[in-house]
Amino acid sequence: MVSVVVPRKFNVGPVELAYLDEGDGDPIVLVHGFASNKEVNWVQPGWVATLTRAGRRTIALDNRGHGASTKLYDPALYHSNLMADDIRALLDHLGLARADIMGYSMGARNIAFLALAHGERVRCAILGGLGIRLVDGVGLPESIANALEAPSVNDVGDPQERAFRSFADQTRSDRSALAACIRGSRQTVSPSDVGRIAVPVLIAVGTKDNVAGSPHALAALMPNARAIDIPGRDHMLAVGDRVFKEAVLAFLAERP
């Protein structure tokens, strides 16, 4: 059964960000991936229901350019530092000094930037759909922007590019805003900076994911991280996997 959520909004300067805030208990903030939104990434796969049933206050935002948040068309406005600071601003808006924070793919990248800039705000971090590509590449090719700008999905030949174009059409996204986002959010983190992320971290990647890179290689660079494999899942299908959910609940239960 899909949870019924109440959308809310707040402003970060001229950017209006939509979010949901459900349940009671220790807060966890969810940050979705590229071309997705809070409903597609977190509500429909059952994450909001799973976490609220586990006694967690569950908060999820639409990243800038996505969902019900402001659409921007300058790639510079999607730098990972800016998108990470949107999460910090959401915590401020809600009066939360710290929270557990979980992201998927681009959302996981944004969390890494948040942990580096404002580590005191992150109680623990869960990085889904992002492994060593945080360090040695951005995962998704920039050519996806061209696919998003193509006249139709039939004009896109590459299978991965076609999949993301179809996904953007399915979610009725603003494809011009998404093209700007993928061009502007291609920052990586150096191995030495990754080593400065000292909070407890769980890294989860599907065994058939050809976008994220190895979760184990990334975990090895952090002082307090562990990695899990999501068996038989690719980048798109790992999001709502039962193994992923069980691992996250167990990881959160360990936090004091």
C-alpha atoms as a PDB file:
ATOM      1  CA  MET A   1       0.000   0.000   0.000  1.00  0.00           C
ATOM      2  CA  VAL A   2       1.424   3.402  -1.044  1.00  0.00           C
ATOM      3  CA  SER A   3       1.717   5.991   1.711  1.00  0.00           C
ATOM      4  CA  VAL A   4      -0.307   9.194   1.427  1.00  0.00           C
ATOM      5  CA  VAL A   5       2.115  12.094   1.796  1.00  0.00           C
ATOM      6  CA  VAL A   6       1.548  15.791   2.335  1.00  0.00           C
ATOM      7  CA  PRO A   7       3.852  17.966   0.175  1.00  0.00           C
ATOM      8  CA  ARG A   8       5.407  21.048   1.732  1.00  0.00           C
ATOM      9  CA  LYS A   9       7.704  23.758   0.373  1.00  0.00           C
ATOM     10  CA  PHE A  10      10.352  26.207   1.556  1.00  0.00           C
ATOM     11  CA  ASN A  11      12.799  28.574  -0.116  1.00  0.00           C
ATOM     12  CA  VAL A  12      16.568  28.637  -0.417  1.00  0.00           C
ATOM     13  CA  GLY A  13      17.006  32.113  -1.883  1.00  0.00           C
ATOM     14  CA  PRO A  14      15.084  32.104  -5.184  1.00  0.00           C
ATOM     15  CA  VAL A  15      14.885  28.288  -5.267  1.00  0.00           C
ATOM     16  CA  GLU A  16      11.703  26.716  -3.905  1.00  0.00           C
ATOM     17  CA  LEU A  17      12.175  23.146  -2.697  1.00  0.00           C
ATOM     18  CA  ALA A  18       9.348  20.669  -2.155  1.00  0.00           C
ATOM     19  CA  TYR A  19       9.565  18.027   0.543  1.00  0.00           C
ATOM     20  CA  LEU A  20       7.518  15.575   2.558  1.00  0.00           C
ATOM     21  CA  ASP A  21       7.677  15.016   6.295  1.00  0.00           C
ATOM     22  CA  GLU A  22       5.984  11.897   7.649  1.00  0.00           C
ATOM     23  CA  GLY A  23       5.993   9.975  10.925  1.00  0.00           C
ATOM     24  CA  ASP A  24       7.591  10.495  14.310  1.00  0.00           C
ATOM     25  CA  GLY A  25      10.863   9.515  15.938  1.00  0.00           C
ATOM     26  CA  ASP A  26      14.492  10.004  15.017  1.00  0.00           C
ATOM     27  CA  PRO A  27      14.685  11.896  11.696  1.00  0.00           C
ATOM     28  CA  ILE A  28      16.051  10.486   8.472  1.00  0.00           C
ATOM     29  CA  VAL A  29      16.335  12.623   5.339  1.00  0.00           C
ATOM     30  CA  LEU A  30      16.064  10.964   1.910  1.00  0.00           C
ATOM     31  CA  VAL A  31      17.733  12.443  -1.188  1.00  0.00           C
ATOM     32  CA  HIS A  32      16.670  11.011  -4.551  1.00  0.00           C
ATOM     33  CA  GLY A  33      18.700  10.325  -7.659  1.00  0.00           C
ATOM     34  CA  PHE A  34      18.982  12.050 -11.021  1.00  0.00           C
ATOM     35  CA  ALA A  35      15.749  12.358 -13.040  1.00  0.00           C
ATOM     36  CA  SER A  36      13.710  10.965 -10.140  1.00  0.00           C
ATOM     37  CA  ASN A  37      11.758  12.683  -7.363  1.00  0.00           C
ATOM     38  CA  LYS A  38      10.692  12.022  -3.787  1.00  0.00           C
ATOM     39  CA  GLU A  39       7.616  10.024  -4.804  1.00  0.00           C
ATOM     40  CA  VAL A  40       9.278   7.847  -7.449  1.00  0.00           C
ATOM     41  CA  ASN A  41      12.454   7.199  -5.476  1.00  0.00           C
ATOM     42  CA  TRP A  42      11.069   6.874  -1.954  1.00  0.00           C
ATOM     43  CA  VAL A  43       7.264   6.669  -1.748  1.00  0.00           C
ATOM     44  CA  GLN A  44       6.439   4.231  -4.550  1.00  0.00           C
ATOM     45  CA  PRO A  45       9.187   1.690  -3.667  1.00  0.00           C
ATOM     46  CA  GLY A  46       7.887   1.626  -0.074  1.00  0.00           C
ATOM     47  CA  TRP A  47      10.742   3.400   1.679  1.00  0.00           C
ATOM     48  CA  VAL A  48       8.581   6.007   3.401  1.00  0.00           C
ATOM     49  CA  ALA A  49       6.191   3.323   4.657  1.00  0.00           C
ATOM     50  CA  THR A  50       9.073   1.065   5.738  1.00  0.00           C
ATOM     51  CA  LEU A  51      10.871   3.786   7.679  1.00  0.00           C
ATOM     52  CA  THR A  52       7.794   5.278   9.337  1.00  0.00           C
ATOM     53  CA  ARG A  53       6.697   1.796  10.420  1.00  0.00           C
ATOM     54  CA  ALA A  54      10.149   1.375  11.949  1.00  0.00           C
ATOM     55  CA  GLY A  55       9.510   4.447  14.107  1.00  0.00           C
ATOM     56  CA  ARG A  56      11.391   7.008  12.065  1.00  0.00           C
ATOM     57  CA  ARG A  57      10.410  10.540  11.117  1.00  0.00           C
ATOM     58  CA  THR A  58      10.921  10.356   7.356  1.00  0.00           C
ATOM     59  CA  ILE A  59      11.737  13.486   5.359  1.00  0.00           C
ATOM     60  CA  ALA A  60      12.357  13.546   1.604  1.00  0.00           C
ATOM     61  CA  LEU A  61      12.980  16.491  -0.696  1.00  0.00           C
ATOM     62  CA  ASP A  62      12.738  17.080  -4.413  1.00  0.00           C
ATOM     63  CA  ASN A  63      16.181  18.197  -5.538  1.00  0.00           C
ATOM     64  CA  ARG A  64      16.349  21.476  -7.428  1.00  0.00           C
ATOM     65  CA  GLY A  65      15.296  20.885 -11.034  1.00  0.00           C
ATOM     66  CA  HIS A  66      13.260  17.830 -10.080  1.00  0.00           C
ATOM     67  CA  GLY A  67       9.723  16.997  -8.997  1.00  0.00           C
ATOM     68  CA  ALA A  68       7.824  19.966  -7.594  1.00  0.00           C
ATOM     69  CA  SER A  69      10.953  22.041  -6.880  1.00  0.00           C
ATOM     70  CA  THR A  70      12.124  25.038  -8.931  1.00  0.00           C
ATOM     71  CA  LYS A  71      13.445  24.243 -12.406  1.00  0.00           C
ATOM     72  CA  LEU A  72      16.763  25.890 -13.289  1.00  0.00           C
ATOM     73  CA  TYR A  73      18.476  25.922 -16.677  1.00  0.00           C
ATOM     74  CA  ASP A  74      21.999  27.110 -15.898  1.00  0.00           C
ATOM     75  CA  PRO A  75      24.299  24.103 -15.281  1.00  0.00           C
ATOM     76  CA  ALA A  76      26.299  26.148 -12.755  1.00  0.00           C
ATOM     77  CA  LEU A  77      23.258  26.171 -10.460  1.00  0.00           C
ATOM     78  CA  TYR A  78      23.484  22.380 -10.077  1.00  0.00           C
ATOM     79  CA  HIS A  79      26.980  22.150  -8.623  1.00  0.00           C
ATOM     80  CA  SER A  80      27.138  19.382  -6.037  1.00  0.00           C
ATOM     81  CA  ASN A  81      28.033  21.889  -3.314  1.00  0.00           C
ATOM     82  CA  LEU A  82      24.825  23.818  -4.004  1.00  0.00           C
ATOM     83  CA  MET A  83      22.691  20.686  -4.033  1.00  0.00           C
ATOM     84  CA  ALA A  84      24.306  19.517  -0.797  1.00  0.00           C
ATOM     85  CA  ASP A  85      23.610  22.888   0.772  1.00  0.00           C
ATOM     86  CA  ASP A  86      19.913  22.459  -0.099  1.00  0.00           C
ATOM     87  CA  ILE A  87      19.920  19.491   2.304  1.00  0.00           C
ATOM     88  CA  ARG A  88      21.572  21.622   4.986  1.00  0.00           C
ATOM     89  CA  ALA A  89      18.943  24.317   4.384  1.00  0.00           C
ATOM     90  CA  LEU A  90      16.164  21.734   4.788  1.00  0.00           C
ATOM     91  CA  LEU A  91      17.617  20.700   8.154  1.00  0.00           C
ATOM     92  CA  ASP A  92      17.708  24.363   9.179  1.00  0.00           C
ATOM     93  CA  HIS A  93      14.138  24.906   7.987  1.00  0.00           C
ATOM     94  CA  LEU A  94      12.952  21.975  10.110  1.00  0.00           C
ATOM     95  CA  GLY A  95      15.036  22.963  13.125  1.00  0.00           C
ATOM     96  CA  LEU A  96      17.090  19.765  13.030  1.00  0.00           C
ATOM     97  CA  ALA A  97      20.651  19.952  14.328  1.00  0.00           C
ATOM     98  CA  ARG A  98      21.495  16.480  12.969  1.00  0.00           C
ATOM     99  CA  ALA A  99      19.832  13.661  11.073  1.00  0.00           C
ATOM    100  CA  ASP A 100      20.560  10.331   9.475  1.00  0.00           C
ATOM    101  CA  ILE A 101      20.717  10.945   5.734  1.00  0.00           C
ATOM    102  CA  MET A 102      20.212   8.471   2.883  1.00  0.00           C
ATOM    103  CA  GLY A 103      20.682   9.170  -0.812  1.00  0.00           C
ATOM    104  CA  TYR A 104      20.571   7.238  -4.043  1.00  0.00           C
ATOM    105  CA  SER A 105      22.948   7.789  -6.975  1.00  0.00           C
ATOM    106  CA  MET A 106      23.216  11.580  -7.454  1.00  0.00           C
ATOM    107  CA  GLY A 107      21.538  11.961  -4.059  1.00  0.00           C
ATOM    108  CA  ALA A 108      24.308   9.895  -2.491  1.00  0.00           C
ATOM    109  CA  ARG A 109      26.896  12.142  -4.157  1.00  0.00           C
ATOM    110  CA  ASN A 110      25.161  15.200  -2.689  1.00  0.00           C
ATOM    111  CA  ILE A 111      25.300  13.598   0.758  1.00  0.00           C
ATOM    112  CA  ALA A 112      29.050  13.059   0.446  1.00  0.00           C
ATOM    113  CA  PHE A 113      29.489  16.772  -0.291  1.00  0.00           C
ATOM    114  CA  LEU A 114      27.245  17.607   2.682  1.00  0.00           C
ATOM    115  CA  ALA A 115      29.261  15.352   4.979  1.00  0.00           C
ATOM    116  CA  LEU A 116      32.458  17.127   3.935  1.00  0.00           C
ATOM    117  CA  ALA A 117      31.057  20.650   4.307  1.00  0.00           C
ATOM    118  CA  HIS A 118      28.808  20.093   7.338  1.00  0.00           C
ATOM    119  CA  GLY A 119      29.762  16.781   8.907  1.00  0.00           C
ATOM    120  CA  GLU A 120      28.302  17.858  12.233  1.00  0.00           C
ATOM    121  CA  ARG A 121      24.806  17.758  10.662  1.00  0.00           C
ATOM    122  CA  VAL A 122      25.094  14.117   9.522  1.00  0.00           C
ATOM    123  CA  ARG A 123      24.589  11.451  12.183  1.00  0.00           C
ATOM    124  CA  CYS A 124      25.142   8.639   9.692  1.00  0.00           C
ATOM    125  CA  ALA A 125      25.078   8.368   5.910  1.00  0.00           C
ATOM    126  CA  ILE A 126      23.626   5.729   3.613  1.00  0.00           C
ATOM    127  CA  LEU A 127      24.905   5.851   0.038  1.00  0.00           C
ATOM    128  CA  GLY A 128      22.818   3.770  -2.354  1.00  0.00           C
ATOM    129  CA  GLY A 129      23.632   3.314  -6.013  1.00  0.00           C
ATOM    130  CA  LEU A 130      27.049   4.975  -5.703  1.00  0.00           C
ATOM    131  CA  GLY A 131      30.382   3.277  -5.137  1.00  0.00           C
ATOM    132  CA  ILE A 132      33.888   4.192  -6.210  1.00  0.00           C
ATOM    133  CA  ARG A 133      32.501   6.388  -9.002  1.00  0.00           C
ATOM    134  CA  LEU A 134      32.206   9.043  -6.318  1.00  0.00           C
ATOM    135  CA  VAL A 135      35.992   9.243  -6.667  1.00  0.00           C
ATOM    136  CA  ASP A 136      36.975   8.094 -10.150  1.00  0.00           C
ATOM    137  CA  GLY A 137      34.047   9.289 -12.245  1.00  0.00           C
ATOM    138  CA  VAL A 138      30.511  10.595 -12.083  1.00  0.00           C
ATOM    139  CA  GLY A 139      28.773   7.434 -13.234  1.00  0.00           C
ATOM    140  CA  LEU A 140      26.273   8.724 -15.753  1.00  0.00           C
ATOM    141  CA  PRO A 141      27.712   9.950 -19.076  1.00  0.00           C
ATOM    142  CA  GLU A 142      27.134  13.570 -20.050  1.00  0.00           C
ATOM    143  CA  SER A 143      25.696  12.305 -23.327  1.00  0.00           C
ATOM    144  CA  ILE A 144      22.476  11.618 -21.397  1.00  0.00           C
ATOM    145  CA  ALA A 145      21.896  15.382 -21.567  1.00  0.00           C
ATOM    146  CA  ASN A 146      21.812  15.138 -25.364  1.00  0.00           C
ATOM    147  CA  ALA A 147      19.366  12.244 -25.121  1.00  0.00           C
ATOM    148  CA  LEU A 148      17.109  14.338 -22.904  1.00  0.00           C
ATOM    149  CA  GLU A 149      17.147  17.114 -25.490  1.00  0.00           C
ATOM    150  CA  ALA A 150      16.458  14.820 -28.457  1.00  0.00           C
ATOM    151  CA  PRO A 151      13.110  15.360 -30.242  1.00  0.00           C
ATOM    152  CA  SER A 152      11.814  11.983 -29.065  1.00  0.00           C
ATOM    153  CA  VAL A 153      12.931   8.781 -27.395  1.00  0.00           C
ATOM    154  CA  ASN A 154      12.998   7.155 -30.838  1.00  0.00           C
ATOM    155  CA  ASP A 155      15.925   9.420 -31.734  1.00  0.00           C
ATOM    156  CA  VAL A 156      18.053   7.914 -28.934  1.00  0.00           C
ATOM    157  CA  GLY A 157      20.010   4.794 -29.857  1.00  0.00           C
ATOM    158  CA  ASP A 158      22.279   4.081 -26.873  1.00  0.00           C
ATOM    159  CA  PRO A 159      20.457   1.742 -24.424  1.00  0.00           C
ATOM    160  CA  GLN A 160      21.486   3.594 -21.245  1.00  0.00           C
ATOM    161  CA  GLU A 161      20.704   7.000 -22.717  1.00  0.00           C
ATOM    162  CA  ARG A 162      17.385   5.686 -23.987  1.00  0.00           C
ATOM    163  CA  ALA A 163      16.538   4.286 -20.532  1.00  0.00           C
ATOM    164  CA  PHE A 164      17.071   7.642 -18.835  1.00  0.00           C
ATOM    165  CA  ARG A 165      15.174   9.501 -21.569  1.00  0.00           C
ATOM    166  CA  SER A 166      12.257   7.074 -21.154  1.00  0.00           C
ATOM    167  CA  PHE A 167      12.431   7.468 -17.368  1.00  0.00           C
ATOM    168  CA  ALA A 168      12.316  11.265 -17.684  1.00  0.00           C
ATOM    169  CA  ASP A 169       9.306  10.999 -19.982  1.00  0.00           C
ATOM    170  CA  GLN A 170       7.616   8.551 -17.610  1.00  0.00           C
ATOM    171  CA  THR A 171       8.047  10.896 -14.640  1.00  0.00           C
ATOM    172  CA  ARG A 172       6.974  13.909 -16.764  1.00  0.00           C
ATOM    173  CA  SER A 173      10.149  15.700 -15.814  1.00  0.00           C
ATOM    174  CA  ASP A 174      11.389  18.978 -17.225  1.00  0.00           C
ATOM    175  CA  ARG A 175      13.986  17.518 -19.569  1.00  0.00           C
ATOM    176  CA  SER A 176      15.777  20.828 -20.168  1.00  0.00           C
ATOM    177  CA  ALA A 177      16.280  21.255 -16.415  1.00  0.00           C
ATOM    178  CA  LEU A 178      17.558  17.679 -16.155  1.00  0.00           C
ATOM    179  CA  ALA A 179      20.007  18.263 -19.015  1.00  0.00           C
ATOM    180  CA  ALA A 180      21.377  21.302 -17.166  1.00  0.00           C
ATOM    181  CA  CYS A 181      21.573  19.254 -13.971  1.00  0.00           C
ATOM    182  CA  ILE A 182      23.615  16.418 -15.446  1.00  0.00           C
ATOM    183  CA  ARG A 183      25.997  18.918 -17.059  1.00  0.00           C
ATOM    184  CA  GLY A 184      26.461  20.888 -13.854  1.00  0.00           C
ATOM    185  CA  SER A 185      26.644  18.205 -11.153  1.00  0.00           C
ATOM    186  CA  ARG A 186      29.654  16.234 -12.376  1.00  0.00           C
ATOM    187  CA  GLN A 187      31.982  16.828  -9.442  1.00  0.00           C
ATOM    188  CA  THR A 188      34.042  14.049  -7.890  1.00  0.00           C
ATOM    189  CA  VAL A 189      35.634  13.736  -4.441  1.00  0.00           C
ATOM    190  CA  SER A 190      39.331  13.012  -3.990  1.00  0.00           C
ATOM    191  CA  PRO A 191      40.423   9.870  -2.103  1.00  0.00           C
ATOM    192  CA  SER A 192      41.904  12.028   0.668  1.00  0.00           C
ATOM    193  CA  ASP A 193      38.646  13.962   1.073  1.00  0.00           C
ATOM    194  CA  VAL A 194      36.615  10.740   1.107  1.00  0.00           C
ATOM    195  CA  GLY A 195      38.871   9.652   3.957  1.00  0.00           C
ATOM    196  CA  ARG A 196      37.691  12.674   5.954  1.00  0.00           C
ATOM    197  CA  ILE A 197      34.084  11.420   6.020  1.00  0.00           C
ATOM    198  CA  ALA A 198      34.216  10.016   9.533  1.00  0.00           C
ATOM    199  CA  VAL A 199      30.525   9.377  10.301  1.00  0.00           C
ATOM    200  CA  PRO A 200      29.212   5.804  10.052  1.00  0.00           C
ATOM    201  CA  VAL A 201      28.497   5.060   6.389  1.00  0.00           C
ATOM    202  CA  LEU A 202      26.638   2.221   4.686  1.00  0.00           C
ATOM    203  CA  ILE A 203      27.265   1.823   0.951  1.00  0.00           C
ATOM    204  CA  ALA A 204      24.883  -0.364  -1.071  1.00  0.00           C
ATOM    205  CA  VAL A 205      25.115  -1.140  -4.797  1.00  0.00           C
ATOM    206  CA  GLY A 206      23.399  -3.705  -7.005  1.00  0.00           C
ATOM    207  CA  THR A 207      25.592  -6.509  -8.313  1.00  0.00           C
ATOM    208  CA  LYS A 208      24.398  -5.731 -11.858  1.00  0.00           C
ATOM    209  CA  ASP A 209      24.852  -1.964 -11.497  1.00  0.00           C
ATOM    210  CA  ASN A 210      27.128  -0.696 -14.290  1.00  0.00           C
ATOM    211  CA  VAL A 211      26.883   2.942 -13.183  1.00  0.00           C
ATOM    212  CA  ALA A 212      27.910   3.128  -9.510  1.00  0.00           C
ATOM    213  CA  GLY A 213      31.260   1.353  -9.330  1.00  0.00           C
ATOM    214  CA  SER A 214      32.399  -0.900  -6.493  1.00  0.00           C
ATOM    215  CA  PRO A 215      30.887  -0.154  -3.068  1.00  0.00           C
ATOM    216  CA  HIS A 216      33.708  -2.097  -1.416  1.00  0.00           C
ATOM    217  CA  ALA A 217      36.414   0.039  -3.030  1.00  0.00           C
ATOM    218  CA  LEU A 218      34.712   3.197  -1.780  1.00  0.00           C
ATOM    219  CA  ALA A 219      34.178   1.812   1.719  1.00  0.00           C
ATOM    220  CA  ALA A 220      37.878   0.961   1.931  1.00  0.00           C
ATOM    221  CA  LEU A 221      38.714   4.673   1.640  1.00  0.00           C
ATOM    222  CA  MET A 222      36.556   5.673   4.619  1.00  0.00           C
ATOM    223  CA  PRO A 223      37.424   5.161   8.290  1.00  0.00           C
ATOM    224  CA  ASN A 224      33.948   4.031   9.380  1.00  0.00           C
ATOM    225  CA  ALA A 225      32.186   2.539   6.347  1.00  0.00           C
ATOM    226  CA  ARG A 226      30.874  -0.831   5.283  1.00  0.00           C
ATOM    227  CA  ALA A 227      29.587  -2.061   1.927  1.00  0.00           C
ATOM    228  CA  ILE A 228      26.847  -4.468   0.916  1.00  0.00           C
ATOM    229  CA  ASP A 229      25.917  -5.976  -2.424  1.00  0.00           C
ATOM    230  CA  ILE A 230      22.285  -5.929  -3.558  1.00  0.00           C
ATOM    231  CA  PRO A 231      22.067  -9.296  -5.353  1.00  0.00           C
ATOM    232  CA  GLY A 232      20.916  -9.406  -8.960  1.00  0.00           C
ATOM    233  CA  ARG A 233      19.874  -5.758  -9.167  1.00  0.00           C
ATOM    234  CA  ASP A 234      20.917  -3.086 -11.657  1.00  0.00           C
ATOM    235  CA  HIS A 235      21.055   0.674 -11.064  1.00  0.00           C
ATOM    236  CA  MET A 236      17.336   1.188 -11.634  1.00  0.00           C
ATOM    237  CA  LEU A 237      15.964  -1.828  -9.770  1.00  0.00           C
ATOM    238  CA  ALA A 238      18.143  -1.806  -6.653  1.00  0.00           C
ATOM    239  CA  VAL A 239      16.284   1.144  -5.119  1.00  0.00           C
ATOM    240  CA  GLY A 240      13.362  -0.755  -3.609  1.00  0.00           C
ATOM    241  CA  ASP A 241      15.057  -4.101  -3.060  1.00  0.00           C
ATOM    242  CA  ARG A 242      14.232  -6.030   0.129  1.00  0.00           C
ATOM    243  CA  VAL A 243      17.904  -6.799   0.877  1.00  0.00           C
ATOM    244  CA  PHE A 244      18.690  -3.083   0.657  1.00  0.00           C
ATOM    245  CA  LYS A 245      15.841  -2.188   3.013  1.00  0.00           C
ATOM    246  CA  GLU A 246      16.759  -4.834   5.558  1.00  0.00           C
ATOM    247  CA  ALA A 247      20.401  -3.726   5.559  1.00  0.00           C
ATOM    248  CA  VAL A 248      19.400  -0.089   6.062  1.00  0.00           C
ATOM    249  CA  LEU A 249      17.053  -0.888   8.947  1.00  0.00           C
ATOM    250  CA  ALA A 250      19.750  -2.985  10.650  1.00  0.00           C
ATOM    251  CA  PHE A 251      22.329  -0.230  10.129  1.00  0.00           C
ATOM    252  CA  LEU A 252      20.022   2.423  11.567  1.00  0.00           C
ATOM    253  CA  ALA A 253      19.190   0.210  14.551  1.00  0.00           C
ATOM    254  CA  GLU A 254      22.884   0.202  15.488  1.00  0.00           C
ATOM    255  CA  ARG A 255      22.992   3.963  15.866  1.00  0.00           C
ATOM    256  CA  PRO A 256      22.828   5.106  19.500  1.00  0.00           C
END
